ModelCIF file with pLDDT and N, C-alpha, C, O atoms, coordinates in Angstrom:
data_MODEL
#
_entry.id   MODEL 
#
_entity.id                         1 
_entity.type                       polymer 
_entity.pdbx_number_of_molecules   1 
#
_entity_poly.entity_id                      1 
_entity_poly.type                           'polypeptide(L)' 
_entity_poly.nstd_linkage                   no 
_entity_poly.nstd_monomer                   no 
_entity_poly.pdbx_seq_one_letter_code       
;(UNK)(UNK)(UNK)(UNK)(UNK)(UNK)(UNK)(UNK)(UNK)(UNK)(UNK)(UNK)(UNK)(UNK)(UNK)(UNK)
(UNK)(UNK)(UNK)(UNK)(UNK)(UNK)(UNK)(UNK)(UNK)(UNK)(UNK)(UNK)(UNK)(UNK)(UNK)(UNK)
(UNK)(UNK)(UNK)(UNK)(UNK)(UNK)(UNK)(UNK)(UNK)(UNK)(UNK)(UNK)(UNK)(UNK)
;
_entity_poly.pdbx_seq_one_letter_code_can   XXXXXXXXXXXXXXXXXXXXXXXXXXXXXXXXXXXXXXXXXXXXXX 
_entity_poly.pdbx_strand_id                 A 
#
loop_
_entity_poly_seq.entity_id 
_entity_poly_seq.num 
_entity_poly_seq.mon_id 
_entity_poly_seq.hetero 
1 1  UNK n 
1 2  UNK n 
1 3  UNK n 
1 4  UNK n 
1 5  UNK n 
1 6  UNK n 
1 7  UNK n 
1 8  UNK n 
1 9  UNK n 
1 10 UNK n 
1 11 UNK n 
1 12 UNK n 
1 13 UNK n 
1 14 UNK n 
1 15 UNK n 
1 16 UNK n 
1 17 UNK n 
1 18 UNK n 
1 19 UNK n 
1 20 UNK n 
1 21 UNK n 
1 22 UNK n 
1 23 UNK n 
1 24 UNK n 
1 25 UNK n 
1 26 UNK n 
1 27 UNK n 
1 28 UNK n 
1 29 UNK n 
1 30 UNK n 
1 31 UNK n 
1 32 UNK n 
1 33 UNK n 
1 34 UNK n 
1 35 UNK n 
1 36 UNK n 
1 37 UNK n 
1 38 UNK n 
1 39 UNK n 
1 40 UNK n 
1 41 UNK n 
1 42 UNK n 
1 43 UNK n 
1 44 UNK n 
1 45 UNK n 
1 46 UNK n 
#
_struct_asym.id          A 
_struct_asym.entity_id   1 
#
loop_
_ma_qa_metric.id 
_ma_qa_metric.mode 
_ma_qa_metric.name 
_ma_qa_metric.software_group_id 
_ma_qa_metric.type 
1 global pLDDT . pLDDT 
2 local  pLDDT . pLDDT 
#
_ma_qa_metric_global.metric_id      1 
_ma_qa_metric_global.metric_value   94.65 
_ma_qa_metric_global.model_id       1 
_ma_qa_metric_global.ordinal_id     1 
#
loop_
_ma_qa_metric_local.label_asym_id 
_ma_qa_metric_local.label_comp_id 
_ma_qa_metric_local.label_seq_id 
_ma_qa_metric_local.metric_id 
_ma_qa_metric_local.metric_value 
_ma_qa_metric_local.model_id 
_ma_qa_metric_local.ordinal_id 
A UNK 1  2 95.00 1 1  
A UNK 2  2 95.00 1 2  
A UNK 3  2 93.00 1 3  
A UNK 4  2 95.00 1 4  
A UNK 5  2 96.00 1 5  
A UNK 6  2 95.00 1 6  
A UNK 7  2 94.00 1 7  
A UNK 8  2 97.00 1 8  
A UNK 9  2 97.00 1 9  
A UNK 10 2 95.00 1 10 
A UNK 11 2 97.00 1 11 
A UNK 12 2 97.00 1 12 
A UNK 13 2 97.00 1 13 
A UNK 14 2 97.00 1 14 
A UNK 15 2 97.00 1 15 
A UNK 16 2 97.00 1 16 
A UNK 17 2 96.00 1 17 
A UNK 18 2 96.00 1 18 
A UNK 19 2 97.00 1 19 
A UNK 20 2 96.00 1 20 
A UNK 21 2 97.00 1 21 
A UNK 22 2 97.00 1 22 
A UNK 23 2 96.00 1 23 
A UNK 24 2 97.00 1 24 
A UNK 25 2 97.00 1 25 
A UNK 26 2 97.00 1 26 
A UNK 27 2 97.00 1 27 
A UNK 28 2 97.00 1 28 
A UNK 29 2 97.00 1 29 
A UNK 30 2 96.00 1 30 
A UNK 31 2 96.00 1 31 
A UNK 32 2 96.00 1 32 
A UNK 33 2 94.00 1 33 
A UNK 34 2 92.00 1 34 
A UNK 35 2 92.00 1 35 
A UNK 36 2 92.00 1 36 
A UNK 37 2 89.00 1 37 
A UNK 38 2 84.00 1 38 
A UNK 39 2 86.00 1 39 
A UNK 40 2 86.00 1 40 
A UNK 41 2 91.00 1 41 
A UNK 42 2 92.00 1 42 
A UNK 43 2 92.00 1 43 
A UNK 44 2 94.00 1 44 
A UNK 45 2 96.00 1 45 
A UNK 46 2 95.00 1 46 
#
loop_
_atom_site.group_PDB 
_atom_site.id 
_atom_site.type_symbol 
_atom_site.label_atom_id 
_atom_site.label_alt_id 
_atom_site.label_comp_id 
_atom_site.label_asym_id 
_atom_site.label_entity_id 
_atom_site.label_seq_id 
_atom_site.pdbx_PDB_ins_code 
_atom_site.Cartn_x 
_atom_site.Cartn_y 
_atom_site.Cartn_z 
_atom_site.occupancy 
_atom_site.B_iso_or_equiv 
_atom_site.pdbx_formal_charge 
_atom_site.auth_seq_id 
_atom_site.auth_comp_id 
_atom_site.auth_asym_id 
_atom_site.auth_atom_id 
_atom_site.pdbx_PDB_model_num 
ATOM 1   N N  . UNK A 1 1  ? 14.612  -2.721  -6.070 1.00 95.00 ? 1  UNK A N  1 
ATOM 2   C CA . UNK A 1 1  ? 13.363  -1.800  -6.351 1.00 95.00 ? 1  UNK A CA 1 
ATOM 3   C C  . UNK A 1 1  ? 12.078  -2.362  -5.689 1.00 95.00 ? 1  UNK A C  1 
ATOM 4   O O  . UNK A 1 1  ? 11.218  -1.644  -5.179 1.00 95.00 ? 1  UNK A O  1 
ATOM 5   N N  . UNK A 1 2  ? 12.034  -3.596  -5.739 1.00 95.00 ? 2  UNK A N  1 
ATOM 6   C CA . UNK A 1 2  ? 10.766  -4.370  -4.954 1.00 95.00 ? 2  UNK A CA 1 
ATOM 7   C C  . UNK A 1 2  ? 10.628  -3.926  -3.714 1.00 95.00 ? 2  UNK A C  1 
ATOM 8   O O  . UNK A 1 2  ? 9.562   -3.437  -3.341 1.00 95.00 ? 2  UNK A O  1 
ATOM 9   N N  . UNK A 1 3  ? 11.648  -4.035  -2.947 1.00 93.00 ? 3  UNK A N  1 
ATOM 10  C CA . UNK A 1 3  ? 11.550  -3.668  -1.453 1.00 93.00 ? 3  UNK A CA 1 
ATOM 11  C C  . UNK A 1 3  ? 11.276  -2.292  -1.066 1.00 93.00 ? 3  UNK A C  1 
ATOM 12  O O  . UNK A 1 3  ? 10.443  -1.937  -0.232 1.00 93.00 ? 3  UNK A O  1 
ATOM 13  N N  . UNK A 1 4  ? 12.201  -1.406  -1.879 1.00 95.00 ? 4  UNK A N  1 
ATOM 14  C CA . UNK A 1 4  ? 11.807  -0.058  -1.818 1.00 95.00 ? 4  UNK A CA 1 
ATOM 15  C C  . UNK A 1 4  ? 10.491  0.548   -2.192 1.00 95.00 ? 4  UNK A C  1 
ATOM 16  O O  . UNK A 1 4  ? 10.003  1.503   -1.589 1.00 95.00 ? 4  UNK A O  1 
ATOM 17  N N  . UNK A 1 5  ? 9.906   -0.088  -3.277 1.00 96.00 ? 5  UNK A N  1 
ATOM 18  C CA . UNK A 1 5  ? 8.737   0.176   -3.509 1.00 96.00 ? 5  UNK A CA 1 
ATOM 19  C C  . UNK A 1 5  ? 7.705   -0.205  -2.705 1.00 96.00 ? 5  UNK A C  1 
ATOM 20  O O  . UNK A 1 5  ? 6.688   0.483   -2.621 1.00 96.00 ? 5  UNK A O  1 
ATOM 21  N N  . UNK A 1 6  ? 7.873   -1.390  -2.006 1.00 95.00 ? 6  UNK A N  1 
ATOM 22  C CA . UNK A 1 6  ? 6.832   -1.900  -1.221 1.00 95.00 ? 6  UNK A CA 1 
ATOM 23  C C  . UNK A 1 6  ? 6.812   -0.963  0.316  1.00 95.00 ? 6  UNK A C  1 
ATOM 24  O O  . UNK A 1 6  ? 5.804   -0.602  0.924  1.00 95.00 ? 6  UNK A O  1 
ATOM 25  N N  . UNK A 1 7  ? 8.083   -0.749  0.651  1.00 94.00 ? 7  UNK A N  1 
ATOM 26  C CA . UNK A 1 7  ? 8.021   0.067   1.935  1.00 94.00 ? 7  UNK A CA 1 
ATOM 27  C C  . UNK A 1 7  ? 7.559   1.463   1.643  1.00 94.00 ? 7  UNK A C  1 
ATOM 28  O O  . UNK A 1 7  ? 6.873   2.003   2.511  1.00 94.00 ? 7  UNK A O  1 
ATOM 29  N N  . UNK A 1 8  ? 7.820   2.089   0.608  1.00 97.00 ? 8  UNK A N  1 
ATOM 30  C CA . UNK A 1 8  ? 7.344   3.367   0.205  1.00 97.00 ? 8  UNK A CA 1 
ATOM 31  C C  . UNK A 1 8  ? 5.771   3.290   0.040  1.00 97.00 ? 8  UNK A C  1 
ATOM 32  O O  . UNK A 1 8  ? 5.044   4.005   0.729  1.00 97.00 ? 8  UNK A O  1 
ATOM 33  N N  . UNK A 1 9  ? 5.340   2.528   -0.763 1.00 97.00 ? 9  UNK A N  1 
ATOM 34  C CA . UNK A 1 9  ? 3.770   2.406   -0.948 1.00 97.00 ? 9  UNK A CA 1 
ATOM 35  C C  . UNK A 1 9  ? 3.055   2.075   0.237  1.00 97.00 ? 9  UNK A C  1 
ATOM 36  O O  . UNK A 1 9  ? 1.937   2.582   0.331  1.00 97.00 ? 9  UNK A O  1 
ATOM 37  N N  . UNK A 1 10 ? 3.472   1.283   1.236  1.00 95.00 ? 10 UNK A N  1 
ATOM 38  C CA . UNK A 1 10 ? 2.898   1.055   2.553  1.00 95.00 ? 10 UNK A CA 1 
ATOM 39  C C  . UNK A 1 10 ? 3.072   2.386   3.319  1.00 95.00 ? 10 UNK A C  1 
ATOM 40  O O  . UNK A 1 10 ? 2.118   2.883   3.917  1.00 95.00 ? 10 UNK A O  1 
ATOM 41  N N  . UNK A 1 11 ? 4.222   2.928   3.299  1.00 97.00 ? 11 UNK A N  1 
ATOM 42  C CA . UNK A 1 11 ? 4.174   4.290   4.148  1.00 97.00 ? 11 UNK A CA 1 
ATOM 43  C C  . UNK A 1 11 ? 3.264   5.506   3.590  1.00 97.00 ? 11 UNK A C  1 
ATOM 44  O O  . UNK A 1 11 ? 2.775   6.436   4.231  1.00 97.00 ? 11 UNK A O  1 
ATOM 45  N N  . UNK A 1 12 ? 3.182   5.232   2.245  1.00 97.00 ? 12 UNK A N  1 
ATOM 46  C CA . UNK A 1 12 ? 2.539   6.443   1.645  1.00 97.00 ? 12 UNK A CA 1 
ATOM 47  C C  . UNK A 1 12 ? 0.918   6.120   1.964  1.00 97.00 ? 12 UNK A C  1 
ATOM 48  O O  . UNK A 1 12 ? 0.124   6.990   2.321  1.00 97.00 ? 12 UNK A O  1 
ATOM 49  N N  . UNK A 1 13 ? 0.623   4.885   1.792  1.00 97.00 ? 13 UNK A N  1 
ATOM 50  C CA . UNK A 1 13 ? -0.862  4.546   2.129  1.00 97.00 ? 13 UNK A CA 1 
ATOM 51  C C  . UNK A 1 13 ? -1.303  4.968   3.572  1.00 97.00 ? 13 UNK A C  1 
ATOM 52  O O  . UNK A 1 13 ? -2.440  5.419   3.716  1.00 97.00 ? 13 UNK A O  1 
ATOM 53  N N  . UNK A 1 14 ? -0.456  4.845   4.660  1.00 97.00 ? 14 UNK A N  1 
ATOM 54  C CA . UNK A 1 14 ? -0.655  5.043   5.981  1.00 97.00 ? 14 UNK A CA 1 
ATOM 55  C C  . UNK A 1 14 ? -0.816  6.662   5.902  1.00 97.00 ? 14 UNK A C  1 
ATOM 56  O O  . UNK A 1 14 ? -1.785  7.189   6.450  1.00 97.00 ? 14 UNK A O  1 
ATOM 57  N N  . UNK A 1 15 ? 0.063   7.367   5.275  1.00 97.00 ? 15 UNK A N  1 
ATOM 58  C CA . UNK A 1 15 ? 0.053   8.960   5.213  1.00 97.00 ? 15 UNK A CA 1 
ATOM 59  C C  . UNK A 1 15 ? -1.232  9.345   4.729  1.00 97.00 ? 15 UNK A C  1 
ATOM 60  O O  . UNK A 1 15 ? -1.864  10.225  5.313  1.00 97.00 ? 15 UNK A O  1 
ATOM 61  N N  . UNK A 1 16 ? -1.741  8.687   3.571  1.00 97.00 ? 16 UNK A N  1 
ATOM 62  C CA . UNK A 1 16 ? -3.138  9.125   2.994  1.00 97.00 ? 16 UNK A CA 1 
ATOM 63  C C  . UNK A 1 16 ? -4.255  8.990   3.951  1.00 97.00 ? 16 UNK A C  1 
ATOM 64  O O  . UNK A 1 16 ? -5.090  9.853   4.220  1.00 97.00 ? 16 UNK A O  1 
ATOM 65  N N  . UNK A 1 17 ? -4.140  7.517   4.539  1.00 96.00 ? 17 UNK A N  1 
ATOM 66  C CA . UNK A 1 17 ? -5.080  7.233   5.444  1.00 96.00 ? 17 UNK A CA 1 
ATOM 67  C C  . UNK A 1 17 ? -5.378  8.198   6.531  1.00 96.00 ? 17 UNK A C  1 
ATOM 68  O O  . UNK A 1 17 ? -6.541  8.494   6.802  1.00 96.00 ? 17 UNK A O  1 
ATOM 69  N N  . UNK A 1 18 ? -4.345  8.704   7.169  1.00 96.00 ? 18 UNK A N  1 
ATOM 70  C CA . UNK A 1 18 ? -4.219  9.563   8.252  1.00 96.00 ? 18 UNK A CA 1 
ATOM 71  C C  . UNK A 1 18 ? -4.750  11.109  7.702  1.00 96.00 ? 18 UNK A C  1 
ATOM 72  O O  . UNK A 1 18 ? -5.192  11.950  8.485  1.00 96.00 ? 18 UNK A O  1 
ATOM 73  N N  . UNK A 1 19 ? -4.653  11.290  6.516  1.00 97.00 ? 19 UNK A N  1 
ATOM 74  C CA . UNK A 1 19 ? -4.909  12.398  5.939  1.00 97.00 ? 19 UNK A CA 1 
ATOM 75  C C  . UNK A 1 19 ? -6.519  12.301  5.603  1.00 97.00 ? 19 UNK A C  1 
ATOM 76  O O  . UNK A 1 19 ? -7.137  13.308  5.259  1.00 97.00 ? 19 UNK A O  1 
ATOM 77  N N  . UNK A 1 20 ? -7.061  11.198  5.711  1.00 96.00 ? 20 UNK A N  1 
ATOM 78  C CA . UNK A 1 20 ? -8.715  11.020  5.384  1.00 96.00 ? 20 UNK A CA 1 
ATOM 79  C C  . UNK A 1 20 ? -8.908  10.700  3.943  1.00 96.00 ? 20 UNK A C  1 
ATOM 80  O O  . UNK A 1 20 ? -10.063 10.715  3.517  1.00 96.00 ? 20 UNK A O  1 
ATOM 81  N N  . UNK A 1 21 ? -7.832  10.384  3.059  1.00 97.00 ? 21 UNK A N  1 
ATOM 82  C CA . UNK A 1 21 ? -7.818  10.086  1.614  1.00 97.00 ? 21 UNK A CA 1 
ATOM 83  C C  . UNK A 1 21 ? -7.820  8.619   1.321  1.00 97.00 ? 21 UNK A C  1 
ATOM 84  O O  . UNK A 1 21 ? -6.822  8.090   0.834  1.00 97.00 ? 21 UNK A O  1 
ATOM 85  N N  . UNK A 1 22 ? -9.006  7.878   1.625  1.00 97.00 ? 22 UNK A N  1 
ATOM 86  C CA . UNK A 1 22 ? -9.010  6.441   1.447  1.00 97.00 ? 22 UNK A CA 1 
ATOM 87  C C  . UNK A 1 22 ? -8.685  6.036   0.122  1.00 97.00 ? 22 UNK A C  1 
ATOM 88  O O  . UNK A 1 22 ? -7.876  5.117   -0.001 1.00 97.00 ? 22 UNK A O  1 
ATOM 89  N N  . UNK A 1 23 ? -9.174  6.561   -0.882 1.00 96.00 ? 23 UNK A N  1 
ATOM 90  C CA . UNK A 1 23 ? -9.152  6.361   -2.343 1.00 96.00 ? 23 UNK A CA 1 
ATOM 91  C C  . UNK A 1 23 ? -7.404  6.168   -2.618 1.00 96.00 ? 23 UNK A C  1 
ATOM 92  O O  . UNK A 1 23 ? -6.913  5.105   -2.996 1.00 96.00 ? 23 UNK A O  1 
ATOM 93  N N  . UNK A 1 24 ? -6.751  7.203   -2.390 1.00 97.00 ? 24 UNK A N  1 
ATOM 94  C CA . UNK A 1 24 ? -5.311  7.497   -2.753 1.00 97.00 ? 24 UNK A CA 1 
ATOM 95  C C  . UNK A 1 24 ? -4.463  6.449   -1.686 1.00 97.00 ? 24 UNK A C  1 
ATOM 96  O O  . UNK A 1 24 ? -3.378  5.999   -2.053 1.00 97.00 ? 24 UNK A O  1 
ATOM 97  N N  . UNK A 1 25 ? -4.959  6.135   -0.508 1.00 97.00 ? 25 UNK A N  1 
ATOM 98  C CA . UNK A 1 25 ? -4.372  4.889   0.264  1.00 97.00 ? 25 UNK A CA 1 
ATOM 99  C C  . UNK A 1 25 ? -4.591  3.746   -0.301 1.00 97.00 ? 25 UNK A C  1 
ATOM 100 O O  . UNK A 1 25 ? -3.659  2.948   -0.405 1.00 97.00 ? 25 UNK A O  1 
ATOM 101 N N  . UNK A 1 26 ? -5.747  3.469   -0.735 1.00 97.00 ? 26 UNK A N  1 
ATOM 102 C CA . UNK A 1 26 ? -5.831  2.101   -1.515 1.00 97.00 ? 26 UNK A CA 1 
ATOM 103 C C  . UNK A 1 26 ? -5.091  1.955   -2.836 1.00 97.00 ? 26 UNK A C  1 
ATOM 104 O O  . UNK A 1 26 ? -4.609  0.881   -3.198 1.00 97.00 ? 26 UNK A O  1 
ATOM 105 N N  . UNK A 1 27 ? -5.022  3.061   -3.528 1.00 97.00 ? 27 UNK A N  1 
ATOM 106 C CA . UNK A 1 27 ? -4.153  3.232   -4.909 1.00 97.00 ? 27 UNK A CA 1 
ATOM 107 C C  . UNK A 1 27 ? -2.556  2.850   -4.452 1.00 97.00 ? 27 UNK A C  1 
ATOM 108 O O  . UNK A 1 27 ? -1.827  2.157   -5.162 1.00 97.00 ? 27 UNK A O  1 
ATOM 109 N N  . UNK A 1 28 ? -2.234  3.293   -3.437 1.00 97.00 ? 28 UNK A N  1 
ATOM 110 C CA . UNK A 1 28 ? -0.832  3.151   -2.820 1.00 97.00 ? 28 UNK A CA 1 
ATOM 111 C C  . UNK A 1 28 ? -0.583  1.643   -2.709 1.00 97.00 ? 28 UNK A C  1 
ATOM 112 O O  . UNK A 1 28 ? 0.519   1.190   -3.018 1.00 97.00 ? 28 UNK A O  1 
ATOM 113 N N  . UNK A 1 29 ? -1.556  0.865   -2.284 1.00 97.00 ? 29 UNK A N  1 
ATOM 114 C CA . UNK A 1 29 ? -1.698  -0.490  -1.728 1.00 97.00 ? 29 UNK A CA 1 
ATOM 115 C C  . UNK A 1 29 ? -1.412  -1.345  -3.027 1.00 97.00 ? 29 UNK A C  1 
ATOM 116 O O  . UNK A 1 29 ? -0.623  -2.289  -3.079 1.00 97.00 ? 29 UNK A O  1 
ATOM 117 N N  . UNK A 1 30 ? -2.130  -0.891  -3.999 1.00 96.00 ? 30 UNK A N  1 
ATOM 118 C CA . UNK A 1 30 ? -2.016  -1.639  -5.233 1.00 96.00 ? 30 UNK A CA 1 
ATOM 119 C C  . UNK A 1 30 ? -0.758  -1.344  -6.076 1.00 96.00 ? 30 UNK A C  1 
ATOM 120 O O  . UNK A 1 30 ? -0.543  -1.935  -7.134 1.00 96.00 ? 30 UNK A O  1 
ATOM 121 N N  . UNK A 1 31 ? 0.114   -0.346  -5.533 1.00 96.00 ? 31 UNK A N  1 
ATOM 122 C CA . UNK A 1 31 ? 1.416   -0.061  -6.184 1.00 96.00 ? 31 UNK A CA 1 
ATOM 123 C C  . UNK A 1 31 ? 2.504   -1.066  -5.727 1.00 96.00 ? 31 UNK A C  1 
ATOM 124 O O  . UNK A 1 31 ? 3.627   -1.120  -6.227 1.00 96.00 ? 31 UNK A O  1 
ATOM 125 N N  . UNK A 1 32 ? 2.030   -1.896  -4.673 1.00 96.00 ? 32 UNK A N  1 
ATOM 126 C CA . UNK A 1 32 ? 3.086   -2.734  -4.171 1.00 96.00 ? 32 UNK A CA 1 
ATOM 127 C C  . UNK A 1 32 ? 3.247   -3.961  -5.179 1.00 96.00 ? 32 UNK A C  1 
ATOM 128 O O  . UNK A 1 32 ? 2.315   -4.586  -5.686 1.00 96.00 ? 32 UNK A O  1 
ATOM 129 N N  . UNK A 1 33 ? 4.611   -4.184  -5.368 1.00 94.00 ? 33 UNK A N  1 
ATOM 130 C CA . UNK A 1 33 ? 4.918   -5.207  -6.305 1.00 94.00 ? 33 UNK A CA 1 
ATOM 131 C C  . UNK A 1 33 ? 4.263   -6.705  -6.210 1.00 94.00 ? 33 UNK A C  1 
ATOM 132 O O  . UNK A 1 33 ? 3.957   -7.054  -5.070 1.00 94.00 ? 33 UNK A O  1 
ATOM 133 N N  . UNK A 1 34 ? 4.048   -7.494  -7.113 1.00 92.00 ? 34 UNK A N  1 
ATOM 134 C CA . UNK A 1 34 ? 3.538   -8.803  -6.821 1.00 92.00 ? 34 UNK A CA 1 
ATOM 135 C C  . UNK A 1 34 ? 4.354   -9.581  -6.004 1.00 92.00 ? 34 UNK A C  1 
ATOM 136 O O  . UNK A 1 34 ? 3.825   -10.457 -5.320 1.00 92.00 ? 34 UNK A O  1 
ATOM 137 N N  . UNK A 1 35 ? 5.612   -9.394  -5.962 1.00 92.00 ? 35 UNK A N  1 
ATOM 138 C CA . UNK A 1 35 ? 6.578   -10.250 -5.306 1.00 92.00 ? 35 UNK A CA 1 
ATOM 139 C C  . UNK A 1 35 ? 6.323   -9.994  -3.800 1.00 92.00 ? 35 UNK A C  1 
ATOM 140 O O  . UNK A 1 35 ? 6.769   -10.767 -2.953 1.00 92.00 ? 35 UNK A O  1 
ATOM 141 N N  . UNK A 1 36 ? 5.683   -9.024  -3.519 1.00 92.00 ? 36 UNK A N  1 
ATOM 142 C CA . UNK A 1 36 ? 5.768   -8.774  -2.026 1.00 92.00 ? 36 UNK A CA 1 
ATOM 143 C C  . UNK A 1 36 ? 4.027   -8.660  -1.593 1.00 92.00 ? 36 UNK A C  1 
ATOM 144 O O  . UNK A 1 36 ? 3.756   -8.216  -0.478 1.00 92.00 ? 36 UNK A O  1 
ATOM 145 N N  . UNK A 1 37 ? 3.063   -9.023  -2.398 1.00 89.00 ? 37 UNK A N  1 
ATOM 146 C CA . UNK A 1 37 ? 1.764   -9.014  -2.010 1.00 89.00 ? 37 UNK A CA 1 
ATOM 147 C C  . UNK A 1 37 ? 1.511   -10.346 -1.428 1.00 89.00 ? 37 UNK A C  1 
ATOM 148 O O  . UNK A 1 37 ? 1.553   -11.389 -2.081 1.00 89.00 ? 37 UNK A O  1 
ATOM 149 N N  . UNK A 1 38 ? 1.214   -10.254 -0.025 1.00 84.00 ? 38 UNK A N  1 
ATOM 150 C CA . UNK A 1 38 ? 0.839   -11.477 0.873  1.00 84.00 ? 38 UNK A CA 1 
ATOM 151 C C  . UNK A 1 38 ? -0.352  -11.233 1.481  1.00 84.00 ? 38 UNK A C  1 
ATOM 152 O O  . UNK A 1 38 ? -0.861  -10.113 1.438  1.00 84.00 ? 38 UNK A O  1 
ATOM 153 N N  . UNK A 1 39 ? -0.891  -12.214 2.080  1.00 86.00 ? 39 UNK A N  1 
ATOM 154 C CA . UNK A 1 39 ? -2.303  -12.459 2.440  1.00 86.00 ? 39 UNK A CA 1 
ATOM 155 C C  . UNK A 1 39 ? -2.753  -11.048 3.286  1.00 86.00 ? 39 UNK A C  1 
ATOM 156 O O  . UNK A 1 39 ? -3.817  -10.492 3.012  1.00 86.00 ? 39 UNK A O  1 
ATOM 157 N N  . UNK A 1 40 ? -1.999  -10.615 4.155  1.00 86.00 ? 40 UNK A N  1 
ATOM 158 C CA . UNK A 1 40 ? -2.310  -9.335  4.900  1.00 86.00 ? 40 UNK A CA 1 
ATOM 159 C C  . UNK A 1 40 ? -2.617  -8.166  3.984  1.00 86.00 ? 40 UNK A C  1 
ATOM 160 O O  . UNK A 1 40 ? -3.574  -7.414  4.171  1.00 86.00 ? 40 UNK A O  1 
ATOM 161 N N  . UNK A 1 41 ? -1.813  -8.062  3.054  1.00 91.00 ? 41 UNK A N  1 
ATOM 162 C CA . UNK A 1 41 ? -1.988  -6.839  1.963  1.00 91.00 ? 41 UNK A CA 1 
ATOM 163 C C  . UNK A 1 41 ? -3.039  -7.035  1.465  1.00 91.00 ? 41 UNK A C  1 
ATOM 164 O O  . UNK A 1 41 ? -3.776  -6.049  1.462  1.00 91.00 ? 41 UNK A O  1 
ATOM 165 N N  . UNK A 1 42 ? -3.547  -8.196  0.895  1.00 92.00 ? 42 UNK A N  1 
ATOM 166 C CA . UNK A 1 42 ? -5.009  -8.593  0.326  1.00 92.00 ? 42 UNK A CA 1 
ATOM 167 C C  . UNK A 1 42 ? -5.939  -8.223  1.061  1.00 92.00 ? 42 UNK A C  1 
ATOM 168 O O  . UNK A 1 42 ? -6.808  -7.497  0.580  1.00 92.00 ? 42 UNK A O  1 
ATOM 169 N N  . UNK A 1 43 ? -6.001  -8.625  2.416  1.00 92.00 ? 43 UNK A N  1 
ATOM 170 C CA . UNK A 1 43 ? -6.989  -8.262  3.356  1.00 92.00 ? 43 UNK A CA 1 
ATOM 171 C C  . UNK A 1 43 ? -7.093  -6.824  3.732  1.00 92.00 ? 43 UNK A C  1 
ATOM 172 O O  . UNK A 1 43 ? -8.173  -6.296  3.997  1.00 92.00 ? 43 UNK A O  1 
ATOM 173 N N  . UNK A 1 44 ? -6.029  -6.242  3.750  1.00 94.00 ? 44 UNK A N  1 
ATOM 174 C CA . UNK A 1 44 ? -5.975  -4.705  4.147  1.00 94.00 ? 44 UNK A CA 1 
ATOM 175 C C  . UNK A 1 44 ? -6.665  -3.981  2.999  1.00 94.00 ? 44 UNK A C  1 
ATOM 176 O O  . UNK A 1 44 ? -7.408  -3.020  3.193  1.00 94.00 ? 44 UNK A O  1 
ATOM 177 N N  . UNK A 1 45 ? -6.355  -4.544  1.634  1.00 96.00 ? 45 UNK A N  1 
ATOM 178 C CA . UNK A 1 45 ? -7.006  -3.586  0.523  1.00 96.00 ? 45 UNK A CA 1 
ATOM 179 C C  . UNK A 1 45 ? -8.469  -4.050  0.366  1.00 96.00 ? 45 UNK A C  1 
ATOM 180 O O  . UNK A 1 45 ? -9.158  -3.300  -0.324 1.00 96.00 ? 45 UNK A O  1 
ATOM 181 N N  . UNK A 1 46 ? -9.069  -5.130  0.868  1.00 95.00 ? 46 UNK A N  1 
ATOM 182 C CA . UNK A 1 46 ? -10.409 -5.429  0.709  1.00 95.00 ? 46 UNK A CA 1 
ATOM 183 C C  . UNK A 1 46 ? -11.155 -4.578  1.888  1.00 95.00 ? 46 UNK A C  1 
ATOM 184 O O  . UNK A 1 46 ? -12.379 -4.636  2.011  1.00 95.00 ? 46 UNK A O  1 
#
């Protein structure tokens, strides 16, 4: 579930970014499980 959620959230975040919805894109990045939150994810969210 963790890997699937991570891949889904990252893909959805990119989709919202392409659509110009930065708020939803950020929300999706915060849906990534803690097990898969690494430095690049933190910086991307910031």
